[in-house]
Amino acid sequence: DKSYVEIPAMFGVGFALKKSSKWMFQADYMMQMWSKSGTSDASFNLKNSQRFTAGFQLQPKEIGRGNYLTAIQYRLGVRYYQTGLEIRNVALTETSVNFGMSFPAPYRTKLGEPISRATINFEYGMRGTTNQNLIREDFFRVTFGFSINDRWFAKYKYD
C-alpha cells in the first residue's frame, strides 16, 4: 500500500531582548497548517500545530578576565508544543523545561571575550496524555554542543 502526507506551510515570529552580554530573553512562536494538508491515513486527524518557546540567559560578569564562574552563561527555558496529531479527539501536546550552561574556552580575544564555548543542556519533558487510554511519555535529554569561533586560514599583514 502506498500512502502520502502533504507537508504544509509554516510561519513563525520571535523576538529577543538583550542587555550587552549580561542577560538576554528570547521568545518564539511557530504555527504549521496541518489542517489544510492531506493524508491517505484515516486513523488520525491532523490539526494545526503550535509551538511556543521562551528562554533566559544570564552571564554574571559582562566581559573581561576574572573569575571563571562569572564568565559562564547560565540558561533556563520552557517549551510548549501542541502537535498536529489528534487521536480519539484528544490533541497531543509536549511540554518541557531545560537548564544549560555554556563554558568559555581559556583562549580569549584582546578585549577579554571568549573565542569558543562548550555547552551542556539538560531537558525534562512530557509528551502525550493518559486520557482516552493513550500513552504519556516522560523524557530526559542531555545535549552537548561546541561553538568554535576561531579565525582559521587568516592571512596576516604583519608577522
N, C-alpha and C. Protein backbone atom coordinates (compact mmCIF):
# COMPACT_ATOMS: atom_id res chain seq x y z
N ASP A 1 0.84 -1.19 0.00
CA ASP A 1 0.00 0.00 0.00
C ASP A 1 0.88 1.25 0.00
N LYS A 2 0.51 2.17 -0.82
CA LYS A 2 1.21 3.45 -0.84
C LYS A 2 0.39 4.46 -0.05
N SER A 3 1.08 5.29 0.72
CA SER A 3 0.41 6.35 1.47
C SER A 3 1.16 7.65 1.24
N TYR A 4 0.51 8.74 1.57
CA TYR A 4 1.14 10.04 1.36
C TYR A 4 0.73 11.00 2.47
N VAL A 5 1.56 12.00 2.67
CA VAL A 5 1.27 13.12 3.57
C VAL A 5 1.81 14.37 2.90
N GLU A 6 0.99 15.40 2.81
CA GLU A 6 1.44 16.67 2.26
C GLU A 6 2.02 17.51 3.40
N ILE A 7 3.21 18.05 3.20
CA ILE A 7 3.85 18.90 4.20
C ILE A 7 3.33 20.32 4.00
N PRO A 8 2.67 20.89 5.02
CA PRO A 8 2.06 22.22 4.86
C PRO A 8 3.05 23.35 5.14
N ALA A 9 2.60 24.55 4.83
CA ALA A 9 3.38 25.75 5.11
C ALA A 9 3.42 26.01 6.61
N MET A 10 4.45 26.71 7.05
CA MET A 10 4.55 27.09 8.44
C MET A 10 5.05 28.53 8.52
N PHE A 11 4.73 29.19 9.62
CA PHE A 11 5.25 30.53 9.83
C PHE A 11 5.57 30.69 11.31
N GLY A 12 6.41 31.64 11.59
CA GLY A 12 6.80 31.87 12.97
C GLY A 12 7.25 33.29 13.17
N VAL A 13 7.30 33.69 14.43
CA VAL A 13 7.74 35.01 14.80
C VAL A 13 8.46 34.90 16.15
N GLY A 14 9.44 35.73 16.34
CA GLY A 14 10.17 35.70 17.59
C GLY A 14 10.80 37.05 17.88
N PHE A 15 11.28 37.21 19.11
CA PHE A 15 11.96 38.43 19.48
C PHE A 15 12.98 38.13 20.57
N ALA A 16 13.90 39.06 20.75
CA ALA A 16 14.92 38.93 21.79
C ALA A 16 15.16 40.29 22.42
N LEU A 17 15.34 40.30 23.72
CA LEU A 17 15.73 41.49 24.46
C LEU A 17 17.08 41.20 25.09
N LYS A 18 18.01 42.13 24.96
CA LYS A 18 19.37 41.86 25.42
C LYS A 18 19.97 43.11 26.04
N LYS A 19 20.70 42.92 27.13
CA LYS A 19 21.49 44.00 27.73
C LYS A 19 22.95 43.59 27.65
N SER A 20 23.64 44.15 26.67
CA SER A 20 25.03 43.82 26.34
C SER A 20 25.21 42.30 26.42
N SER A 21 26.20 41.82 27.14
CA SER A 21 26.34 40.37 27.28
C SER A 21 25.94 39.93 28.69
N LYS A 22 25.28 40.80 29.44
CA LYS A 22 24.89 40.49 30.82
C LYS A 22 23.69 39.52 30.86
N TRP A 23 22.61 39.82 30.14
CA TRP A 23 21.45 38.94 30.13
C TRP A 23 20.74 39.05 28.78
N MET A 24 19.92 38.03 28.49
CA MET A 24 19.14 38.01 27.25
C MET A 24 17.87 37.19 27.48
N PHE A 25 16.75 37.68 26.96
CA PHE A 25 15.47 36.97 26.98
C PHE A 25 15.02 36.79 25.55
N GLN A 26 14.61 35.57 25.20
CA GLN A 26 14.12 35.30 23.85
C GLN A 26 12.80 34.54 23.92
N ALA A 27 11.91 34.81 22.97
CA ALA A 27 10.65 34.07 22.86
C ALA A 27 10.38 33.84 21.38
N ASP A 28 9.71 32.72 21.09
CA ASP A 28 9.47 32.33 19.70
C ASP A 28 8.12 31.62 19.62
N TYR A 29 7.38 31.90 18.55
CA TYR A 29 6.11 31.24 18.29
C TYR A 29 6.13 30.71 16.85
N MET A 30 5.68 29.47 16.65
CA MET A 30 5.65 28.85 15.34
C MET A 30 4.31 28.13 15.16
N MET A 31 3.73 28.24 13.96
CA MET A 31 2.49 27.55 13.65
C MET A 31 2.63 26.87 12.29
N GLN A 32 2.14 25.62 12.19
CA GLN A 32 2.16 24.90 10.93
C GLN A 32 0.74 24.45 10.62
N MET A 33 0.29 24.69 9.38
CA MET A 33 -1.10 24.49 8.96
C MET A 33 -1.39 23.06 8.53
N TRP A 34 -1.34 22.12 9.48
CA TRP A 34 -1.59 20.72 9.16
C TRP A 34 -3.04 20.45 8.76
N SER A 35 -3.98 21.27 9.23
CA SER A 35 -5.39 21.03 8.90
C SER A 35 -5.67 21.21 7.41
N LYS A 36 -4.82 21.94 6.72
CA LYS A 36 -5.00 22.16 5.28
C LYS A 36 -4.23 21.18 4.42
N SER A 37 -3.49 20.27 5.06
CA SER A 37 -2.74 19.28 4.29
C SER A 37 -3.55 17.99 4.20
N GLY A 38 -3.16 17.14 3.31
CA GLY A 38 -3.88 15.88 3.12
C GLY A 38 -3.05 14.68 3.52
N THR A 39 -3.73 13.58 3.83
CA THR A 39 -3.06 12.33 4.15
C THR A 39 -3.94 11.18 3.68
N SER A 40 -3.32 10.04 3.41
CA SER A 40 -4.09 8.88 2.98
C SER A 40 -4.44 7.98 4.17
N ASP A 41 -4.01 8.31 5.38
CA ASP A 41 -4.27 7.50 6.57
C ASP A 41 -5.42 8.13 7.36
N ALA A 42 -6.49 7.40 7.56
CA ALA A 42 -7.66 7.93 8.26
C ALA A 42 -7.70 7.56 9.73
N SER A 43 -6.63 6.97 10.29
CA SER A 43 -6.65 6.54 11.68
C SER A 43 -6.39 7.70 12.65
N PHE A 44 -6.01 8.86 12.14
CA PHE A 44 -5.81 10.03 13.00
C PHE A 44 -6.17 11.29 12.22
N ASN A 45 -6.47 12.35 12.97
CA ASN A 45 -6.79 13.64 12.37
C ASN A 45 -5.59 14.57 12.50
N LEU A 46 -5.41 15.41 11.51
CA LEU A 46 -4.34 16.41 11.57
C LEU A 46 -4.95 17.77 11.90
N LYS A 47 -4.38 18.43 12.89
CA LYS A 47 -4.78 19.78 13.29
C LYS A 47 -3.57 20.69 13.13
N ASN A 48 -3.78 21.98 13.21
CA ASN A 48 -2.66 22.92 13.15
C ASN A 48 -1.78 22.73 14.38
N SER A 49 -0.48 22.71 14.16
CA SER A 49 0.44 22.59 15.30
C SER A 49 0.93 23.98 15.69
N GLN A 50 1.22 24.13 16.98
CA GLN A 50 1.71 25.38 17.51
C GLN A 50 2.85 25.09 18.49
N ARG A 51 3.87 25.93 18.47
CA ARG A 51 4.97 25.77 19.41
C ARG A 51 5.34 27.13 19.97
N PHE A 52 5.45 27.21 21.29
CA PHE A 52 5.89 28.42 21.96
C PHE A 52 7.11 28.09 22.80
N THR A 53 8.17 28.85 22.63
CA THR A 53 9.38 28.65 23.42
C THR A 53 9.82 29.98 24.00
N ALA A 54 10.39 29.93 25.19
CA ALA A 54 10.93 31.13 25.83
C ALA A 54 12.16 30.72 26.62
N GLY A 55 13.13 31.62 26.67
CA GLY A 55 14.34 31.31 27.40
C GLY A 55 15.03 32.55 27.91
N PHE A 56 15.82 32.36 28.96
CA PHE A 56 16.55 33.44 29.59
C PHE A 56 18.00 33.01 29.77
N GLN A 57 18.93 33.91 29.47
CA GLN A 57 20.35 33.64 29.63
C GLN A 57 20.96 34.72 30.51
N LEU A 58 21.80 34.31 31.45
CA LEU A 58 22.46 35.24 32.37
C LEU A 58 23.95 34.94 32.39
N GLN A 59 24.75 36.00 32.29
CA GLN A 59 26.19 35.88 32.45
C GLN A 59 26.58 36.87 33.54
N PRO A 60 27.00 36.39 34.72
CA PRO A 60 27.22 37.28 35.87
C PRO A 60 28.14 38.47 35.60
N LYS A 61 29.22 38.26 34.85
CA LYS A 61 30.11 39.37 34.54
C LYS A 61 30.07 39.60 33.04
N GLU A 62 29.95 40.86 32.63
CA GLU A 62 29.75 41.14 31.21
C GLU A 62 30.90 40.68 30.33
N ILE A 63 32.05 41.27 30.45
CA ILE A 63 33.20 40.86 29.63
C ILE A 63 34.47 40.99 30.44
N GLY A 64 35.54 40.48 29.89
CA GLY A 64 36.85 40.65 30.50
C GLY A 64 37.27 39.44 31.30
N ARG A 65 38.46 39.55 31.82
CA ARG A 65 39.03 38.46 32.61
C ARG A 65 38.54 38.56 34.04
N GLY A 66 38.74 37.48 34.75
CA GLY A 66 38.33 37.46 36.15
C GLY A 66 37.99 36.05 36.57
N ASN A 67 37.07 35.91 37.47
CA ASN A 67 36.64 34.62 37.98
C ASN A 67 35.98 33.81 36.85
N TYR A 68 36.38 32.57 36.70
CA TYR A 68 35.84 31.74 35.62
C TYR A 68 34.33 31.54 35.75
N LEU A 69 33.83 31.40 36.98
CA LEU A 69 32.40 31.17 37.19
C LEU A 69 31.55 32.35 36.72
N THR A 70 32.11 33.55 36.72
CA THR A 70 31.34 34.71 36.25
C THR A 70 31.31 34.80 34.73
N ALA A 71 32.16 34.04 34.03
CA ALA A 71 32.16 34.05 32.57
C ALA A 71 31.26 32.96 31.99
N ILE A 72 30.74 32.06 32.83
CA ILE A 72 29.83 31.01 32.37
C ILE A 72 28.46 31.62 32.09
N GLN A 73 27.84 31.22 30.99
CA GLN A 73 26.48 31.64 30.68
C GLN A 73 25.52 30.59 31.21
N TYR A 74 24.54 31.02 32.01
CA TYR A 74 23.54 30.13 32.58
C TYR A 74 22.24 30.35 31.82
N ARG A 75 21.57 29.25 31.44
CA ARG A 75 20.37 29.36 30.60
C ARG A 75 19.22 28.55 31.20
N LEU A 76 18.01 29.09 31.07
CA LEU A 76 16.79 28.43 31.54
C LEU A 76 15.72 28.66 30.48
N GLY A 77 14.98 27.61 30.12
CA GLY A 77 13.98 27.75 29.08
C GLY A 77 12.79 26.84 29.28
N VAL A 78 11.69 27.17 28.61
CA VAL A 78 10.47 26.37 28.62
C VAL A 78 9.97 26.23 27.18
N ARG A 79 9.24 25.13 26.94
CA ARG A 79 8.67 24.89 25.61
C ARG A 79 7.30 24.25 25.76
N TYR A 80 6.35 24.74 24.99
CA TYR A 80 5.02 24.13 24.89
C TYR A 80 4.77 23.86 23.41
N TYR A 81 4.44 22.62 23.10
CA TYR A 81 4.24 22.24 21.70
C TYR A 81 2.94 21.47 21.58
N GLN A 82 2.00 22.03 20.83
CA GLN A 82 0.75 21.34 20.51
C GLN A 82 0.97 20.71 19.13
N THR A 83 1.15 19.40 19.12
CA THR A 83 1.47 18.72 17.87
C THR A 83 0.27 18.77 16.93
N GLY A 84 0.48 18.37 15.71
CA GLY A 84 -0.59 18.35 14.74
C GLY A 84 -1.45 17.11 14.80
N LEU A 85 -1.17 16.20 15.75
CA LEU A 85 -1.92 14.94 15.84
C LEU A 85 -3.08 15.05 16.83
N GLU A 86 -4.19 14.49 16.44
CA GLU A 86 -5.34 14.36 17.33
C GLU A 86 -5.81 12.91 17.23
N ILE A 87 -5.74 12.20 18.36
CA ILE A 87 -6.14 10.79 18.40
C ILE A 87 -7.27 10.64 19.39
N ARG A 88 -8.37 10.01 18.97
CA ARG A 88 -9.56 9.84 19.80
C ARG A 88 -10.05 11.17 20.35
N ASN A 89 -10.05 12.19 19.50
CA ASN A 89 -10.49 13.54 19.85
C ASN A 89 -9.67 14.18 20.96
N VAL A 90 -8.44 13.75 21.13
CA VAL A 90 -7.52 14.33 22.12
C VAL A 90 -6.30 14.85 21.38
N ALA A 91 -6.03 16.15 21.53
CA ALA A 91 -4.85 16.75 20.92
C ALA A 91 -3.62 16.36 21.72
N LEU A 92 -2.57 15.92 21.04
CA LEU A 92 -1.33 15.52 21.71
C LEU A 92 -0.43 16.74 21.88
N THR A 93 0.07 16.93 23.11
CA THR A 93 0.93 18.06 23.41
C THR A 93 2.25 17.59 24.01
N GLU A 94 3.20 18.51 24.03
CA GLU A 94 4.50 18.24 24.63
C GLU A 94 4.93 19.50 25.38
N THR A 95 5.34 19.33 26.63
CA THR A 95 5.86 20.44 27.43
C THR A 95 7.22 20.03 27.98
N SER A 96 8.10 21.02 28.12
CA SER A 96 9.42 20.70 28.68
C SER A 96 10.02 21.95 29.31
N VAL A 97 10.96 21.71 30.18
CA VAL A 97 11.76 22.75 30.81
C VAL A 97 13.22 22.32 30.68
N ASN A 98 14.11 23.30 30.46
CA ASN A 98 15.52 22.94 30.32
C ASN A 98 16.41 23.94 31.03
N PHE A 99 17.58 23.44 31.37
CA PHE A 99 18.61 24.24 32.03
C PHE A 99 19.94 23.91 31.37
N GLY A 100 20.73 24.95 31.11
CA GLY A 100 22.01 24.71 30.46
C GLY A 100 23.07 25.69 30.89
N MET A 101 24.30 25.35 30.58
CA MET A 101 25.44 26.21 30.87
C MET A 101 26.38 26.20 29.67
N SER A 102 26.98 27.35 29.41
CA SER A 102 27.94 27.49 28.32
C SER A 102 29.28 27.92 28.91
N PHE A 103 30.29 27.06 28.75
CA PHE A 103 31.59 27.28 29.35
C PHE A 103 32.55 27.87 28.33
N PRO A 104 33.18 29.00 28.65
CA PRO A 104 34.11 29.60 27.70
C PRO A 104 35.43 28.85 27.65
N ALA A 105 36.06 28.89 26.49
CA ALA A 105 37.39 28.31 26.34
C ALA A 105 38.41 29.25 26.99
N PRO A 106 39.54 28.73 27.40
CA PRO A 106 40.54 29.59 28.06
C PRO A 106 41.09 30.69 27.17
N TYR A 107 41.19 30.45 25.86
CA TYR A 107 41.74 31.45 24.95
C TYR A 107 40.74 32.56 24.73
N ARG A 108 41.19 33.82 24.78
CA ARG A 108 40.30 34.97 24.65
C ARG A 108 40.86 35.99 23.65
N THR A 109 39.98 36.87 23.21
CA THR A 109 40.40 37.96 22.33
C THR A 109 41.15 39.01 23.14
N LYS A 110 41.64 40.02 22.46
CA LYS A 110 42.36 41.10 23.15
C LYS A 110 41.44 41.86 24.10
N LEU A 111 40.14 41.85 23.85
CA LEU A 111 39.19 42.53 24.72
C LEU A 111 38.73 41.64 25.87
N GLY A 112 39.19 40.40 25.92
CA GLY A 112 38.83 39.50 27.00
C GLY A 112 37.64 38.61 26.73
N GLU A 113 37.06 38.67 25.53
CA GLU A 113 35.92 37.83 25.19
C GLU A 113 36.37 36.41 24.86
N PRO A 114 35.63 35.39 25.30
CA PRO A 114 36.00 34.02 24.92
C PRO A 114 35.75 33.78 23.43
N ILE A 115 36.64 33.04 22.82
CA ILE A 115 36.51 32.75 21.39
C ILE A 115 35.54 31.59 21.17
N SER A 116 35.74 30.50 21.87
CA SER A 116 34.93 29.30 21.68
C SER A 116 34.25 28.93 23.00
N ARG A 117 33.18 28.12 22.90
CA ARG A 117 32.43 27.71 24.09
C ARG A 117 32.00 26.25 23.95
N ALA A 118 31.90 25.60 25.11
CA ALA A 118 31.32 24.25 25.19
C ALA A 118 30.03 24.38 25.98
N THR A 119 28.96 23.77 25.48
CA THR A 119 27.64 23.93 26.08
C THR A 119 27.08 22.57 26.49
N ILE A 120 26.42 22.54 27.64
CA ILE A 120 25.69 21.35 28.08
C ILE A 120 24.29 21.80 28.47
N ASN A 121 23.30 20.99 28.10
CA ASN A 121 21.90 21.33 28.35
C ASN A 121 21.17 20.09 28.88
N PHE A 122 20.34 20.29 29.89
CA PHE A 122 19.52 19.23 30.47
C PHE A 122 18.06 19.61 30.25
N GLU A 123 17.27 18.67 29.73
CA GLU A 123 15.86 18.94 29.44
C GLU A 123 15.00 17.81 30.01
N TYR A 124 13.92 18.20 30.67
CA TYR A 124 12.92 17.24 31.15
C TYR A 124 11.59 17.65 30.55
N GLY A 125 10.84 16.66 30.03
CA GLY A 125 9.57 16.98 29.41
C GLY A 125 8.59 15.83 29.44
N MET A 126 7.35 16.16 29.05
CA MET A 126 6.26 15.18 28.97
C MET A 126 5.61 15.30 27.60
N ARG A 127 5.33 14.17 27.00
CA ARG A 127 4.69 14.12 25.68
C ARG A 127 3.49 13.19 25.76
N GLY A 128 2.35 13.63 25.26
CA GLY A 128 1.15 12.80 25.24
C GLY A 128 0.29 12.98 26.48
N THR A 129 -0.68 12.07 26.66
CA THR A 129 -1.62 12.13 27.76
C THR A 129 -2.14 10.73 28.06
N THR A 130 -2.69 10.56 29.26
CA THR A 130 -3.30 9.27 29.62
C THR A 130 -4.81 9.30 29.41
N ASN A 131 -5.37 10.42 28.93
CA ASN A 131 -6.80 10.49 28.62
C ASN A 131 -7.14 9.54 27.47
N GLN A 132 -8.33 8.99 27.48
CA GLN A 132 -8.81 8.08 26.43
C GLN A 132 -7.88 6.88 26.24
N ASN A 133 -7.26 6.41 27.32
CA ASN A 133 -6.34 5.26 27.29
C ASN A 133 -5.15 5.46 26.34
N LEU A 134 -4.68 6.70 26.24
CA LEU A 134 -3.50 6.99 25.44
C LEU A 134 -2.25 6.89 26.33
N ILE A 135 -1.11 7.14 25.76
CA ILE A 135 0.16 6.98 26.47
C ILE A 135 0.80 8.34 26.71
N ARG A 136 1.27 8.55 27.94
CA ARG A 136 2.07 9.73 28.26
C ARG A 136 3.51 9.28 28.45
N GLU A 137 4.40 10.01 27.85
CA GLU A 137 5.82 9.68 27.89
C GLU A 137 6.57 10.79 28.60
N ASP A 138 7.35 10.44 29.62
CA ASP A 138 8.26 11.38 30.27
C ASP A 138 9.64 11.15 29.68
N PHE A 139 10.36 12.24 29.38
CA PHE A 139 11.69 12.07 28.80
C PHE A 139 12.69 13.02 29.44
N PHE A 140 13.93 12.61 29.39
CA PHE A 140 15.05 13.41 29.87
C PHE A 140 16.10 13.40 28.78
N ARG A 141 16.55 14.58 28.39
CA ARG A 141 17.50 14.69 27.28
C ARG A 141 18.71 15.51 27.74
N VAL A 142 19.90 15.03 27.40
CA VAL A 142 21.14 15.76 27.66
C VAL A 142 21.77 16.07 26.31
N THR A 143 22.13 17.34 26.10
CA THR A 143 22.70 17.77 24.84
C THR A 143 24.05 18.44 25.09
N PHE A 144 25.04 18.10 24.26
CA PHE A 144 26.35 18.73 24.31
C PHE A 144 26.56 19.49 23.01
N GLY A 145 27.17 20.66 23.10
CA GLY A 145 27.45 21.44 21.91
C GLY A 145 28.76 22.18 22.02
N PHE A 146 29.33 22.48 20.87
CA PHE A 146 30.58 23.23 20.82
C PHE A 146 30.45 24.32 19.76
N SER A 147 30.84 25.53 20.11
CA SER A 147 30.93 26.59 19.11
C SER A 147 32.39 26.98 19.00
N ILE A 148 32.92 26.87 17.81
CA ILE A 148 34.32 27.17 17.56
C ILE A 148 34.36 28.40 16.67
N ASN A 149 34.73 29.51 17.25
CA ASN A 149 34.72 30.78 16.52
C ASN A 149 36.11 31.31 16.25
N ASP A 150 37.10 30.46 16.27
CA ASP A 150 38.46 30.90 15.98
C ASP A 150 38.59 31.32 14.53
N ARG A 151 39.51 32.21 14.27
CA ARG A 151 39.81 32.59 12.88
C ARG A 151 40.81 31.59 12.32
N TRP A 152 40.41 30.87 11.32
CA TRP A 152 41.28 29.90 10.68
C TRP A 152 41.63 30.41 9.29
N PHE A 153 42.79 30.07 8.83
CA PHE A 153 43.25 30.39 7.48
C PHE A 153 43.25 31.89 7.21
N ALA A 154 43.49 32.69 8.23
CA ALA A 154 43.56 34.14 8.05
C ALA A 154 44.97 34.53 7.65
N LYS A 155 45.07 35.39 6.64
CA LYS A 155 46.36 35.90 6.21
C LYS A 155 46.62 37.19 6.99
N TYR A 156 47.73 37.22 7.68
CA TYR A 156 48.07 38.40 8.44
C TYR A 156 48.98 39.31 7.61
N LYS A 157 48.83 40.62 7.74
CA LYS A 157 49.67 41.55 7.02
C LYS A 157 51.09 41.57 7.58
N TYR A 158 51.17 41.45 8.90
CA TYR A 158 52.46 41.51 9.56
C TYR A 158 52.69 40.25 10.38
N ASP A 159 53.91 39.77 10.42
CA ASP A 159 54.25 38.61 11.25
C ASP A 159 54.67 39.06 12.61
